[in-house]
Amino acid sequence: MDSIYQHALGQDFAKLHPKMQERFGLSSADHIAAFGTGVMERIWHGPLFALPALWLGSLRHITSPSSGENVPFRVESYFYQDRFGRETMSIIRRFQFPTLLRQIDSTSIYSRQRKSLVDYLGTHQNLASDIQASVTGQGGMQMVAGPLRFYEGVLGLTLPPLFSGDVELHEWYDEVVDRFRIRVVVSNPTFGKLFGYTGSFTVEYRPMDEVPNEVKPIYSRPRE
């Protein structure tokens, strides 16, 4: 079974670095989970007036209002079919600050209707965006998120730019240090850069027959 990234990238998937292919080529059929451990050299936030929104987002594991350097980091990736039969990847990112743990969760599928990845953010999937993935010259992957969509009950709408965020993620494999590197920037067209992080990590793959329920979203939505 092809992974959601193989669907998204098509023939370009073969241009990824072999270590990137290993990491992003997993699907529910493999019964494997990926566990990354490393350090975020820097995690930051933008203007102080953005902190209330970042704090609210942190309540559902969408954003982080904390900042720091050399922050211990753990990322867990799980692959399964959700209750709607869609091939799904859940990613749990944990940032261990000196006095608290911040967590950012996302759940991704590939939508044939939208011809792109769809990223559901946080524990309740109230926010979603289309993700356009491409291969960089280093054999890495760049992912750019489109406008945010908000879902609550029967309500579904695209948020205006003032209340939305643009996400750019770049991940690649650094052969010199034998580690994955990642850079994430979240920005707003009106308020500029809101938060982001830069760092590196190693990955261990483990057999996983059953995906723990606690790493799945509290609420899943059928809409794409």
N, C-alpha and C. Protein backbone atom coordinates (compact mmCIF):
# COMPACT_ATOMS: atom_id res chain seq x y z
N MET A 1 0.84 -1.19 0.00
CA MET A 1 0.00 0.00 0.00
C MET A 1 0.88 1.25 0.00
N ASP A 2 0.58 2.18 -0.89
CA ASP A 2 1.34 3.42 -0.95
C ASP A 2 1.01 4.32 0.23
N SER A 3 2.02 5.08 0.67
CA SER A 3 1.81 6.04 1.74
C SER A 3 1.10 7.28 1.20
N ILE A 4 0.62 8.12 2.11
CA ILE A 4 -0.04 9.35 1.67
C ILE A 4 0.95 10.26 0.95
N TYR A 5 2.23 10.19 1.29
CA TYR A 5 3.23 11.04 0.63
C TYR A 5 3.58 10.51 -0.75
N GLN A 6 3.53 9.21 -0.93
CA GLN A 6 3.72 8.66 -2.27
C GLN A 6 2.60 9.10 -3.19
N HIS A 7 1.37 9.15 -2.67
CA HIS A 7 0.25 9.66 -3.47
C HIS A 7 0.45 11.13 -3.78
N ALA A 8 0.89 11.90 -2.79
CA ALA A 8 1.02 13.34 -2.97
C ALA A 8 2.14 13.70 -3.95
N LEU A 9 3.26 13.00 -3.87
CA LEU A 9 4.43 13.35 -4.69
C LEU A 9 4.47 12.61 -6.02
N GLY A 10 3.78 11.49 -6.13
CA GLY A 10 3.81 10.73 -7.37
C GLY A 10 5.22 10.25 -7.70
N GLN A 11 5.62 10.42 -8.95
CA GLN A 11 6.94 9.96 -9.38
C GLN A 11 8.07 10.71 -8.67
N ASP A 12 7.80 11.90 -8.19
CA ASP A 12 8.84 12.68 -7.51
C ASP A 12 9.24 12.06 -6.17
N PHE A 13 8.44 11.14 -5.66
CA PHE A 13 8.80 10.50 -4.39
C PHE A 13 10.18 9.83 -4.49
N ALA A 14 10.49 9.30 -5.66
CA ALA A 14 11.78 8.61 -5.87
C ALA A 14 12.96 9.57 -5.81
N LYS A 15 12.70 10.90 -5.89
CA LYS A 15 13.79 11.88 -5.82
C LYS A 15 14.19 12.21 -4.38
N LEU A 16 13.38 11.77 -3.42
CA LEU A 16 13.73 12.00 -2.02
C LEU A 16 14.98 11.21 -1.65
N HIS A 17 15.72 11.72 -0.69
CA HIS A 17 16.85 10.98 -0.13
C HIS A 17 16.33 9.63 0.38
N PRO A 18 17.11 8.54 0.25
CA PRO A 18 16.64 7.23 0.73
C PRO A 18 16.13 7.23 2.16
N LYS A 19 16.79 7.99 3.04
CA LYS A 19 16.32 8.06 4.43
C LYS A 19 14.97 8.76 4.53
N MET A 20 14.74 9.73 3.65
CA MET A 20 13.45 10.41 3.62
C MET A 20 12.38 9.47 3.05
N GLN A 21 12.74 8.68 2.04
CA GLN A 21 11.80 7.70 1.50
C GLN A 21 11.40 6.69 2.56
N GLU A 22 12.37 6.27 3.36
CA GLU A 22 12.07 5.32 4.43
C GLU A 22 11.10 5.93 5.43
N ARG A 23 11.34 7.18 5.78
CA ARG A 23 10.52 7.85 6.80
C ARG A 23 9.12 8.16 6.30
N PHE A 24 8.99 8.59 5.04
CA PHE A 24 7.70 9.04 4.52
C PHE A 24 7.03 8.01 3.62
N GLY A 25 7.62 6.82 3.52
CA GLY A 25 7.03 5.77 2.70
C GLY A 25 6.19 4.78 3.49
N LEU A 26 6.04 5.00 4.79
CA LEU A 26 5.30 4.07 5.63
C LEU A 26 3.79 4.26 5.49
N SER A 27 3.07 3.15 5.62
CA SER A 27 1.60 3.18 5.59
C SER A 27 1.07 2.24 6.66
N SER A 28 -0.24 2.16 6.77
CA SER A 28 -0.84 1.29 7.77
C SER A 28 -0.52 -0.18 7.53
N ALA A 29 -0.23 -0.53 6.28
CA ALA A 29 0.07 -1.93 5.96
C ALA A 29 1.40 -2.38 6.53
N ASP A 30 2.27 -1.45 6.90
CA ASP A 30 3.60 -1.82 7.40
C ASP A 30 3.60 -2.17 8.89
N HIS A 31 2.61 -1.70 9.63
CA HIS A 31 2.53 -1.96 11.07
C HIS A 31 3.81 -1.52 11.77
N ILE A 32 4.25 -0.31 11.44
CA ILE A 32 5.47 0.26 12.01
C ILE A 32 5.16 1.70 12.44
N ALA A 33 5.74 2.11 13.56
CA ALA A 33 5.66 3.49 13.99
C ALA A 33 7.08 4.07 14.04
N ALA A 34 7.19 5.38 13.82
CA ALA A 34 8.49 6.05 13.79
C ALA A 34 8.61 6.96 15.01
N PHE A 35 9.73 6.85 15.72
CA PHE A 35 9.98 7.64 16.92
C PHE A 35 11.25 8.45 16.73
N GLY A 36 11.11 9.76 16.71
CA GLY A 36 12.25 10.64 16.55
C GLY A 36 12.62 11.32 17.86
N THR A 37 13.92 11.45 18.10
CA THR A 37 14.43 12.10 19.30
C THR A 37 15.53 13.07 18.92
N GLY A 38 15.44 14.29 19.42
CA GLY A 38 16.47 15.27 19.08
C GLY A 38 16.34 16.54 19.89
N VAL A 39 16.80 17.62 19.30
CA VAL A 39 16.83 18.92 19.97
C VAL A 39 16.40 19.99 18.98
N MET A 40 15.52 20.86 19.43
CA MET A 40 15.21 22.04 18.65
C MET A 40 16.20 23.14 19.06
N GLU A 41 17.06 23.49 18.13
CA GLU A 41 18.06 24.51 18.44
C GLU A 41 17.39 25.82 18.84
N ARG A 42 16.23 26.05 18.25
CA ARG A 42 15.49 27.28 18.59
C ARG A 42 14.02 27.06 18.32
N ILE A 43 13.19 27.42 19.30
CA ILE A 43 11.75 27.52 19.09
C ILE A 43 11.34 28.91 19.55
N TRP A 44 10.59 29.60 18.72
CA TRP A 44 10.38 31.02 18.94
C TRP A 44 8.92 31.39 18.68
N HIS A 45 8.55 32.56 19.16
CA HIS A 45 7.24 33.13 18.82
C HIS A 45 7.45 34.56 18.35
N GLY A 46 6.45 35.09 17.68
CA GLY A 46 6.52 36.43 17.10
C GLY A 46 6.12 37.51 18.09
N PRO A 47 5.44 38.55 17.61
CA PRO A 47 5.09 39.69 18.47
C PRO A 47 4.29 39.28 19.70
N LEU A 48 4.44 40.05 20.77
CA LEU A 48 3.76 39.74 22.03
C LEU A 48 2.24 39.71 21.87
N PHE A 49 1.71 40.53 20.96
CA PHE A 49 0.25 40.55 20.81
C PHE A 49 -0.28 39.25 20.22
N ALA A 50 0.61 38.41 19.67
CA ALA A 50 0.18 37.12 19.12
C ALA A 50 0.10 36.04 20.19
N LEU A 51 0.68 36.30 21.37
CA LEU A 51 0.75 35.27 22.40
C LEU A 51 -0.62 34.75 22.86
N PRO A 52 -1.65 35.62 23.04
CA PRO A 52 -2.95 35.07 23.45
C PRO A 52 -3.49 34.04 22.47
N ALA A 53 -3.35 34.30 21.17
CA ALA A 53 -3.83 33.35 20.17
C ALA A 53 -3.02 32.06 20.20
N LEU A 54 -1.69 32.20 20.38
CA LEU A 54 -0.85 31.01 20.46
C LEU A 54 -1.17 30.20 21.72
N TRP A 55 -1.47 30.88 22.81
CA TRP A 55 -1.83 30.19 24.04
C TRP A 55 -3.14 29.43 23.87
N LEU A 56 -4.13 30.07 23.26
CA LEU A 56 -5.41 29.39 23.01
C LEU A 56 -5.19 28.16 22.13
N GLY A 57 -4.36 28.31 21.10
CA GLY A 57 -4.07 27.17 20.23
C GLY A 57 -3.38 26.04 20.95
N SER A 58 -2.59 26.37 21.98
CA SER A 58 -1.87 25.33 22.71
C SER A 58 -2.82 24.45 23.52
N LEU A 59 -4.01 24.94 23.86
CA LEU A 59 -4.96 24.16 24.64
C LEU A 59 -5.43 22.93 23.89
N ARG A 60 -5.41 23.00 22.55
CA ARG A 60 -5.78 21.85 21.73
C ARG A 60 -4.59 21.35 20.89
N HIS A 61 -3.40 21.63 21.37
CA HIS A 61 -2.16 21.11 20.76
C HIS A 61 -2.01 21.54 19.30
N ILE A 62 -2.27 22.83 19.05
CA ILE A 62 -2.14 23.37 17.70
C ILE A 62 -0.92 24.26 17.57
N THR A 63 -0.64 25.05 18.60
CA THR A 63 0.47 26.00 18.56
C THR A 63 1.24 25.94 19.89
N SER A 64 2.33 26.70 19.93
CA SER A 64 3.11 26.82 21.17
C SER A 64 3.43 28.28 21.42
N PRO A 65 3.09 28.80 22.61
CA PRO A 65 3.45 30.18 22.95
C PRO A 65 4.82 30.27 23.63
N SER A 66 5.49 29.14 23.83
CA SER A 66 6.77 29.13 24.54
C SER A 66 7.92 29.28 23.57
N SER A 67 9.03 29.76 24.08
CA SER A 67 10.23 29.92 23.26
C SER A 67 11.44 29.46 24.05
N GLY A 68 12.51 29.12 23.34
CA GLY A 68 13.72 28.68 24.02
C GLY A 68 14.75 28.18 23.03
N GLU A 69 15.90 27.80 23.54
CA GLU A 69 16.98 27.25 22.73
C GLU A 69 17.38 25.90 23.28
N ASN A 70 17.83 25.03 22.37
CA ASN A 70 18.26 23.67 22.74
C ASN A 70 17.20 22.96 23.56
N VAL A 71 16.00 22.94 23.00
CA VAL A 71 14.84 22.34 23.67
C VAL A 71 14.74 20.86 23.27
N PRO A 72 14.78 19.93 24.23
CA PRO A 72 14.61 18.51 23.90
C PRO A 72 13.29 18.28 23.15
N PHE A 73 13.37 17.41 22.15
CA PHE A 73 12.25 17.26 21.20
C PHE A 73 12.02 15.78 20.94
N ARG A 74 10.74 15.42 20.83
CA ARG A 74 10.38 14.06 20.45
C ARG A 74 9.23 14.13 19.46
N VAL A 75 9.33 13.34 18.41
CA VAL A 75 8.25 13.29 17.42
C VAL A 75 7.88 11.83 17.17
N GLU A 76 6.59 11.55 17.22
CA GLU A 76 6.09 10.20 17.01
C GLU A 76 5.14 10.20 15.82
N SER A 77 5.32 9.24 14.91
CA SER A 77 4.48 9.14 13.72
C SER A 77 3.80 7.77 13.70
N TYR A 78 2.48 7.79 13.56
CA TYR A 78 1.69 6.56 13.57
C TYR A 78 0.87 6.49 12.28
N PHE A 79 0.73 5.28 11.75
CA PHE A 79 0.10 5.08 10.45
C PHE A 79 -1.04 4.08 10.61
N TYR A 80 -2.24 4.47 10.19
CA TYR A 80 -3.42 3.62 10.38
C TYR A 80 -4.53 4.09 9.44
N GLN A 81 -5.62 3.35 9.39
CA GLN A 81 -6.81 3.79 8.68
C GLN A 81 -7.80 4.33 9.70
N ASP A 82 -8.31 5.54 9.45
CA ASP A 82 -9.23 6.13 10.42
C ASP A 82 -10.62 5.49 10.30
N ARG A 83 -11.55 5.97 11.10
CA ARG A 83 -12.87 5.32 11.13
C ARG A 83 -13.67 5.51 9.86
N PHE A 84 -13.14 6.36 8.95
CA PHE A 84 -13.79 6.54 7.64
C PHE A 84 -13.08 5.74 6.55
N GLY A 85 -12.09 4.92 6.96
CA GLY A 85 -11.37 4.09 6.00
C GLY A 85 -10.28 4.81 5.24
N ARG A 86 -9.88 6.00 5.70
CA ARG A 86 -8.85 6.78 5.01
C ARG A 86 -7.47 6.44 5.56
N GLU A 87 -6.51 6.29 4.68
CA GLU A 87 -5.12 6.12 5.10
C GLU A 87 -4.69 7.39 5.83
N THR A 88 -4.16 7.24 7.04
CA THR A 88 -3.97 8.36 7.94
C THR A 88 -2.60 8.28 8.61
N MET A 89 -2.02 9.45 8.86
CA MET A 89 -0.81 9.54 9.65
C MET A 89 -1.03 10.57 10.75
N SER A 90 -0.83 10.16 11.99
CA SER A 90 -0.88 11.09 13.12
C SER A 90 0.54 11.38 13.58
N ILE A 91 0.84 12.65 13.78
CA ILE A 91 2.16 13.06 14.26
C ILE A 91 1.98 13.79 15.60
N ILE A 92 2.72 13.33 16.61
CA ILE A 92 2.72 13.93 17.94
C ILE A 92 4.10 14.54 18.15
N ARG A 93 4.16 15.86 18.33
CA ARG A 93 5.43 16.56 18.55
C ARG A 93 5.45 17.08 19.99
N ARG A 94 6.51 16.74 20.72
CA ARG A 94 6.63 17.16 22.11
C ARG A 94 7.89 17.98 22.30
N PHE A 95 7.73 19.14 22.91
CA PHE A 95 8.84 20.06 23.19
C PHE A 95 8.96 20.18 24.71
N GLN A 96 10.07 19.71 25.26
CA GLN A 96 10.24 19.70 26.70
C GLN A 96 10.98 20.95 27.17
N PHE A 97 10.22 21.94 27.63
CA PHE A 97 10.80 23.15 28.21
C PHE A 97 11.14 22.87 29.68
N PRO A 98 11.94 23.73 30.31
CA PRO A 98 12.37 23.46 31.68
C PRO A 98 11.24 23.23 32.67
N THR A 99 10.13 23.93 32.52
CA THR A 99 9.06 23.83 33.51
C THR A 99 7.76 23.25 32.96
N LEU A 100 7.69 22.96 31.66
CA LEU A 100 6.46 22.41 31.11
C LEU A 100 6.72 21.73 29.78
N LEU A 101 5.75 20.92 29.36
CA LEU A 101 5.81 20.21 28.09
C LEU A 101 4.79 20.83 27.15
N ARG A 102 5.24 21.20 25.96
CA ARG A 102 4.33 21.67 24.92
C ARG A 102 4.18 20.56 23.88
N GLN A 103 2.95 20.43 23.34
CA GLN A 103 2.69 19.38 22.36
C GLN A 103 1.93 19.97 21.18
N ILE A 104 2.34 19.59 19.98
CA ILE A 104 1.67 20.00 18.74
C ILE A 104 1.31 18.74 17.97
N ASP A 105 0.01 18.56 17.71
CA ASP A 105 -0.48 17.36 17.03
C ASP A 105 -1.04 17.71 15.65
N SER A 106 -0.90 16.79 14.73
CA SER A 106 -1.57 16.93 13.43
C SER A 106 -1.89 15.54 12.90
N THR A 107 -2.93 15.48 12.08
CA THR A 107 -3.36 14.24 11.45
C THR A 107 -3.51 14.51 9.96
N SER A 108 -2.86 13.69 9.15
CA SER A 108 -2.82 13.94 7.70
C SER A 108 -3.43 12.79 6.92
N ILE A 109 -4.12 13.15 5.84
CA ILE A 109 -4.62 12.19 4.87
C ILE A 109 -4.25 12.70 3.48
N TYR A 110 -4.42 11.85 2.46
CA TYR A 110 -4.33 12.33 1.08
C TYR A 110 -5.74 12.37 0.50
N SER A 111 -6.13 13.53 -0.03
CA SER A 111 -7.45 13.71 -0.60
C SER A 111 -7.37 13.66 -2.13
N ARG A 112 -7.99 12.66 -2.72
CA ARG A 112 -8.05 12.60 -4.19
C ARG A 112 -8.94 13.72 -4.73
N GLN A 113 -9.93 14.09 -3.93
CA GLN A 113 -10.83 15.17 -4.34
C GLN A 113 -10.06 16.48 -4.47
N ARG A 114 -9.20 16.78 -3.50
CA ARG A 114 -8.44 18.03 -3.51
C ARG A 114 -7.09 17.88 -4.20
N LYS A 115 -6.70 16.63 -4.47
CA LYS A 115 -5.41 16.34 -5.10
C LYS A 115 -4.25 16.91 -4.29
N SER A 116 -4.36 16.74 -2.98
CA SER A 116 -3.32 17.22 -2.09
C SER A 116 -3.44 16.51 -0.76
N LEU A 117 -2.40 16.65 0.06
CA LEU A 117 -2.52 16.25 1.45
C LEU A 117 -3.48 17.21 2.16
N VAL A 118 -4.17 16.70 3.15
CA VAL A 118 -4.99 17.54 4.02
C VAL A 118 -4.50 17.33 5.44
N ASP A 119 -4.18 18.41 6.12
CA ASP A 119 -3.67 18.38 7.48
C ASP A 119 -4.77 18.86 8.43
N TYR A 120 -5.16 18.01 9.37
CA TYR A 120 -6.08 18.41 10.43
C TYR A 120 -5.23 18.73 11.67
N LEU A 121 -5.47 19.88 12.26
CA LEU A 121 -4.62 20.36 13.34
C LEU A 121 -5.25 20.12 14.71
N GLY A 122 -4.44 19.70 15.67
CA GLY A 122 -4.87 19.62 17.04
C GLY A 122 -5.67 18.38 17.38
N THR A 123 -6.22 18.39 18.59
CA THR A 123 -6.89 17.23 19.15
C THR A 123 -8.32 17.04 18.64
N HIS A 124 -8.96 18.11 18.14
CA HIS A 124 -10.36 18.03 17.75
C HIS A 124 -10.59 18.27 16.26
N GLN A 125 -9.53 18.49 15.51
CA GLN A 125 -9.63 18.67 14.06
C GLN A 125 -10.59 19.79 13.66
N ASN A 126 -10.65 20.85 14.46
CA ASN A 126 -11.47 22.00 14.07
C ASN A 126 -10.86 22.77 12.91
N LEU A 127 -9.54 22.69 12.76
CA LEU A 127 -8.83 23.42 11.72
C LEU A 127 -8.20 22.44 10.74
N ALA A 128 -8.29 22.76 9.46
CA ALA A 128 -7.68 21.93 8.42
C ALA A 128 -7.14 22.82 7.31
N SER A 129 -6.15 22.30 6.60
CA SER A 129 -5.61 23.03 5.46
C SER A 129 -5.06 22.04 4.45
N ASP A 130 -5.06 22.46 3.19
CA ASP A 130 -4.43 21.66 2.13
C ASP A 130 -2.92 21.86 2.19
N ILE A 131 -2.17 20.78 1.97
CA ILE A 131 -0.71 20.82 2.01
C ILE A 131 -0.16 20.44 0.65
N GLN A 132 0.59 21.34 0.05
CA GLN A 132 1.27 21.05 -1.20
C GLN A 132 2.70 20.63 -0.89
N ALA A 133 3.05 19.41 -1.26
CA ALA A 133 4.37 18.86 -0.98
C ALA A 133 5.21 18.84 -2.25
N SER A 134 6.50 19.12 -2.09
CA SER A 134 7.43 19.08 -3.23
C SER A 134 8.80 18.63 -2.74
N VAL A 135 9.62 18.14 -3.66
CA VAL A 135 10.96 17.66 -3.33
C VAL A 135 11.96 18.77 -3.60
N THR A 136 12.86 19.00 -2.64
CA THR A 136 13.89 20.02 -2.79
C THR A 136 15.12 19.43 -3.45
N GLY A 137 16.05 20.31 -3.80
CA GLY A 137 17.28 19.86 -4.46
C GLY A 137 18.14 18.97 -3.60
N GLN A 138 17.96 19.00 -2.28
CA GLN A 138 18.73 18.17 -1.36
C GLN A 138 18.11 16.80 -1.15
N GLY A 139 17.05 16.51 -1.87
CA GLY A 139 16.32 15.27 -1.61
C GLY A 139 15.46 15.37 -0.38
N GLY A 140 15.23 16.60 0.07
CA GLY A 140 14.35 16.85 1.19
C GLY A 140 12.94 17.12 0.72
N MET A 141 12.07 17.45 1.64
CA MET A 141 10.69 17.73 1.30
C MET A 141 10.26 19.07 1.88
N GLN A 142 9.58 19.83 1.05
CA GLN A 142 8.99 21.09 1.49
C GLN A 142 7.49 20.94 1.44
N MET A 143 6.83 21.39 2.51
CA MET A 143 5.37 21.35 2.57
C MET A 143 4.85 22.74 2.90
N VAL A 144 3.92 23.21 2.10
CA VAL A 144 3.35 24.54 2.27
C VAL A 144 1.84 24.40 2.46
N ALA A 145 1.33 24.97 3.54
CA ALA A 145 -0.09 24.87 3.86
C ALA A 145 -0.86 26.02 3.24
N GLY A 146 -2.04 25.69 2.73
CA GLY A 146 -2.93 26.71 2.17
C GLY A 146 -3.78 27.35 3.25
N PRO A 147 -4.81 28.10 2.87
CA PRO A 147 -5.67 28.78 3.85
C PRO A 147 -6.31 27.79 4.82
N LEU A 148 -6.53 28.24 6.04
CA LEU A 148 -7.16 27.39 7.06
C LEU A 148 -8.66 27.30 6.83
N ARG A 149 -9.20 26.11 7.07
CA ARG A 149 -10.65 25.91 7.09
C ARG A 149 -11.06 25.58 8.53
N PHE A 150 -12.20 26.13 8.95
CA PHE A 150 -12.69 25.90 10.31
C PHE A 150 -13.94 25.05 10.25
N TYR A 151 -13.99 24.00 11.09
CA TYR A 151 -15.14 23.12 11.17
C TYR A 151 -15.64 23.06 12.61
N GLU A 152 -16.95 23.16 12.77
CA GLU A 152 -17.59 22.98 14.08
C GLU A 152 -19.03 22.57 13.82
N GLY A 153 -19.40 21.32 14.18
CA GLY A 153 -20.72 20.82 13.90
C GLY A 153 -20.97 20.80 12.39
N VAL A 154 -22.07 21.42 11.96
CA VAL A 154 -22.39 21.46 10.53
C VAL A 154 -21.70 22.64 9.85
N LEU A 155 -21.05 23.50 10.63
CA LEU A 155 -20.41 24.69 10.08
C LEU A 155 -19.06 24.34 9.48
N GLY A 156 -18.80 24.86 8.29
CA GLY A 156 -17.50 24.71 7.66
C GLY A 156 -17.21 25.92 6.80
N LEU A 157 -16.11 26.61 7.07
CA LEU A 157 -15.80 27.81 6.30
C LEU A 157 -14.29 28.02 6.22
N THR A 158 -13.89 28.73 5.17
CA THR A 158 -12.49 29.11 5.02
C THR A 158 -12.25 30.41 5.77
N LEU A 159 -11.27 30.42 6.65
CA LEU A 159 -11.02 31.61 7.45
C LEU A 159 -10.40 32.72 6.60
N PRO A 160 -10.77 33.97 6.84
CA PRO A 160 -10.14 35.08 6.13
C PRO A 160 -8.67 35.18 6.53
N PRO A 161 -7.83 35.78 5.67
CA PRO A 161 -6.39 35.85 5.93
C PRO A 161 -6.04 36.41 7.30
N LEU A 162 -6.84 37.35 7.81
CA LEU A 162 -6.55 37.97 9.10
C LEU A 162 -6.50 36.94 10.23
N PHE A 163 -7.31 35.86 10.10
CA PHE A 163 -7.40 34.86 11.16
C PHE A 163 -6.77 33.53 10.75
N SER A 164 -6.01 33.55 9.70
CA SER A 164 -5.41 32.32 9.18
C SER A 164 -3.91 32.33 9.42
N GLY A 165 -3.27 31.25 9.04
CA GLY A 165 -1.82 31.15 9.17
C GLY A 165 -1.24 30.37 8.01
N ASP A 166 -0.12 30.82 7.51
CA ASP A 166 0.58 30.12 6.44
C ASP A 166 1.72 29.33 7.06
N VAL A 167 1.80 28.06 6.73
CA VAL A 167 2.82 27.18 7.30
C VAL A 167 3.77 26.72 6.20
N GLU A 168 5.06 26.85 6.47
CA GLU A 168 6.07 26.32 5.55
C GLU A 168 7.01 25.42 6.35
N LEU A 169 7.07 24.16 5.94
CA LEU A 169 7.91 23.17 6.60
C LEU A 169 8.93 22.63 5.60
N HIS A 170 10.17 22.55 6.03
CA HIS A 170 11.22 21.97 5.21
C HIS A 170 11.94 20.92 6.05
N GLU A 171 11.93 19.69 5.58
CA GLU A 171 12.63 18.61 6.27
C GLU A 171 13.57 17.92 5.30
N TRP A 172 14.77 17.61 5.76
CA TRP A 172 15.75 16.94 4.90
C TRP A 172 16.69 16.10 5.75
N TYR A 173 17.48 15.24 5.07
CA TYR A 173 18.42 14.38 5.79
C TYR A 173 19.82 14.91 5.57
N ASP A 174 20.52 15.13 6.68
CA ASP A 174 21.88 15.66 6.66
C ASP A 174 22.85 14.50 6.83
N GLU A 175 23.50 14.11 5.74
CA GLU A 175 24.42 12.96 5.79
C GLU A 175 25.66 13.25 6.62
N VAL A 176 26.04 14.52 6.74
CA VAL A 176 27.25 14.87 7.48
C VAL A 176 27.11 14.49 8.95
N VAL A 177 25.95 14.76 9.53
CA VAL A 177 25.73 14.47 10.95
C VAL A 177 24.82 13.27 11.16
N ASP A 178 24.35 12.66 10.07
CA ASP A 178 23.50 11.47 10.14
C ASP A 178 22.23 11.74 10.94
N ARG A 179 21.57 12.86 10.61
CA ARG A 179 20.36 13.26 11.32
C ARG A 179 19.37 13.91 10.35
N PHE A 180 18.11 13.84 10.69
CA PHE A 180 17.09 14.60 9.99
C PHE A 180 17.12 16.03 10.52
N ARG A 181 16.92 16.99 9.63
CA ARG A 181 16.81 18.39 10.03
C ARG A 181 15.43 18.91 9.62
N ILE A 182 14.93 19.84 10.43
CA ILE A 182 13.60 20.38 10.16
C ILE A 182 13.58 21.87 10.46
N ARG A 183 12.82 22.60 9.64
CA ARG A 183 12.61 24.02 9.85
C ARG A 183 11.13 24.33 9.57
N VAL A 184 10.46 24.95 10.53
CA VAL A 184 9.04 25.28 10.40
C VAL A 184 8.83 26.75 10.70
N VAL A 185 8.06 27.42 9.84
CA VAL A 185 7.70 28.82 10.07
C VAL A 185 6.20 28.97 9.84
N VAL A 186 5.52 29.54 10.84
CA VAL A 186 4.10 29.84 10.73
C VAL A 186 3.96 31.36 10.71
N SER A 187 3.29 31.87 9.69
CA SER A 187 3.18 33.33 9.56
C SER A 187 1.76 33.73 9.17
N ASN A 188 1.50 35.00 9.31
CA ASN A 188 0.21 35.58 8.95
C ASN A 188 0.47 36.75 8.01
N PRO A 189 -0.33 36.89 6.93
CA PRO A 189 -0.06 37.96 5.97
C PRO A 189 -0.15 39.36 6.57
N THR A 190 -0.88 39.52 7.66
CA THR A 190 -1.02 40.83 8.30
C THR A 190 0.00 41.03 9.43
N PHE A 191 0.17 40.01 10.26
CA PHE A 191 0.97 40.15 11.48
C PHE A 191 2.39 39.60 11.35
N GLY A 192 2.71 39.01 10.22
CA GLY A 192 4.07 38.50 10.02
C GLY A 192 4.28 37.13 10.64
N LYS A 193 5.52 36.84 11.02
CA LYS A 193 5.85 35.53 11.56
C LYS A 193 5.30 35.37 12.97
N LEU A 194 4.58 34.23 13.20
CA LEU A 194 3.92 33.98 14.48
C LEU A 194 4.73 33.07 15.39
N PHE A 195 5.17 31.94 14.86
CA PHE A 195 6.05 31.07 15.63
C PHE A 195 6.70 30.05 14.70
N GLY A 196 7.70 29.34 15.22
CA GLY A 196 8.38 28.34 14.41
C GLY A 196 9.48 27.66 15.22
N TYR A 197 10.15 26.74 14.58
CA TYR A 197 11.24 26.03 15.25
C TYR A 197 12.20 25.45 14.22
N THR A 198 13.43 25.23 14.67
CA THR A 198 14.50 24.68 13.84
C THR A 198 15.31 23.72 14.68
N GLY A 199 15.59 22.53 14.13
CA GLY A 199 16.38 21.58 14.89
C GLY A 199 16.68 20.33 14.10
N SER A 200 17.10 19.28 14.82
CA SER A 200 17.46 18.03 14.19
C SER A 200 17.11 16.86 15.10
N PHE A 201 17.03 15.66 14.52
CA PHE A 201 16.65 14.49 15.30
C PHE A 201 17.04 13.21 14.56
N THR A 202 17.10 12.12 15.30
CA THR A 202 17.28 10.79 14.73
C THR A 202 15.96 10.04 14.84
N VAL A 203 15.82 8.97 14.06
CA VAL A 203 14.55 8.24 14.02
C VAL A 203 14.79 6.75 14.24
N GLU A 204 13.94 6.16 15.06
CA GLU A 204 13.93 4.72 15.30
C GLU A 204 12.58 4.18 14.87
N TYR A 205 12.59 3.03 14.19
CA TYR A 205 11.35 2.41 13.71
C TYR A 205 11.05 1.17 14.55
N ARG A 206 9.78 1.06 15.01
CA ARG A 206 9.41 -0.06 15.86
C ARG A 206 8.13 -0.71 15.33
N PRO A 207 8.02 -2.04 15.47
CA PRO A 207 6.76 -2.71 15.10
C PRO A 207 5.61 -2.16 15.92
N MET A 208 4.45 -2.02 15.28
CA MET A 208 3.29 -1.44 15.96
C MET A 208 2.03 -2.06 15.37
N ASP A 209 1.54 -3.14 16.01
CA ASP A 209 0.34 -3.82 15.50
C ASP A 209 -0.92 -2.99 15.75
N GLU A 210 -0.99 -2.35 16.91
CA GLU A 210 -2.15 -1.54 17.26
C GLU A 210 -1.71 -0.13 17.60
N VAL A 211 -2.31 0.86 16.96
CA VAL A 211 -1.99 2.25 17.25
C VAL A 211 -2.72 2.67 18.52
N PRO A 212 -2.02 3.20 19.52
CA PRO A 212 -2.68 3.60 20.77
C PRO A 212 -3.77 4.64 20.52
N ASN A 213 -4.91 4.47 21.17
CA ASN A 213 -6.02 5.42 20.99
C ASN A 213 -5.65 6.83 21.43
N GLU A 214 -4.74 6.95 22.43
CA GLU A 214 -4.42 8.27 22.96
C GLU A 214 -3.65 9.14 21.97
N VAL A 215 -3.09 8.56 20.91
CA VAL A 215 -2.37 9.38 19.93
C VAL A 215 -3.28 9.77 18.76
N LYS A 216 -4.49 9.24 18.75
CA LYS A 216 -5.43 9.61 17.70
C LYS A 216 -6.21 10.85 18.14
N PRO A 217 -6.73 11.62 17.18
CA PRO A 217 -7.53 12.80 17.56
C PRO A 217 -8.73 12.41 18.41
N ILE A 218 -9.11 13.30 19.33
CA ILE A 218 -10.29 13.06 20.15
C ILE A 218 -11.54 13.01 19.27
N TYR A 219 -11.54 13.84 18.23
CA TYR A 219 -12.68 13.87 17.31
C TYR A 219 -12.16 13.87 15.88
N SER A 220 -12.68 12.97 15.03
CA SER A 220 -12.27 12.91 13.62
C SER A 220 -13.41 13.40 12.75
N ARG A 221 -13.05 14.09 11.67
CA ARG A 221 -14.06 14.67 10.78
C ARG A 221 -13.97 14.05 9.40
N PRO A 222 -15.15 13.72 8.80
CA PRO A 222 -15.15 13.06 7.50
C PRO A 222 -14.88 14.00 6.34
N ARG A 223 -15.05 15.30 6.57
CA ARG A 223 -14.92 16.25 5.46
C ARG A 223 -13.46 16.50 5.09
N GLU A 224 -13.24 16.73 3.81
CA GLU A 224 -11.91 17.03 3.32
C GLU A 224 -11.87 18.41 2.72
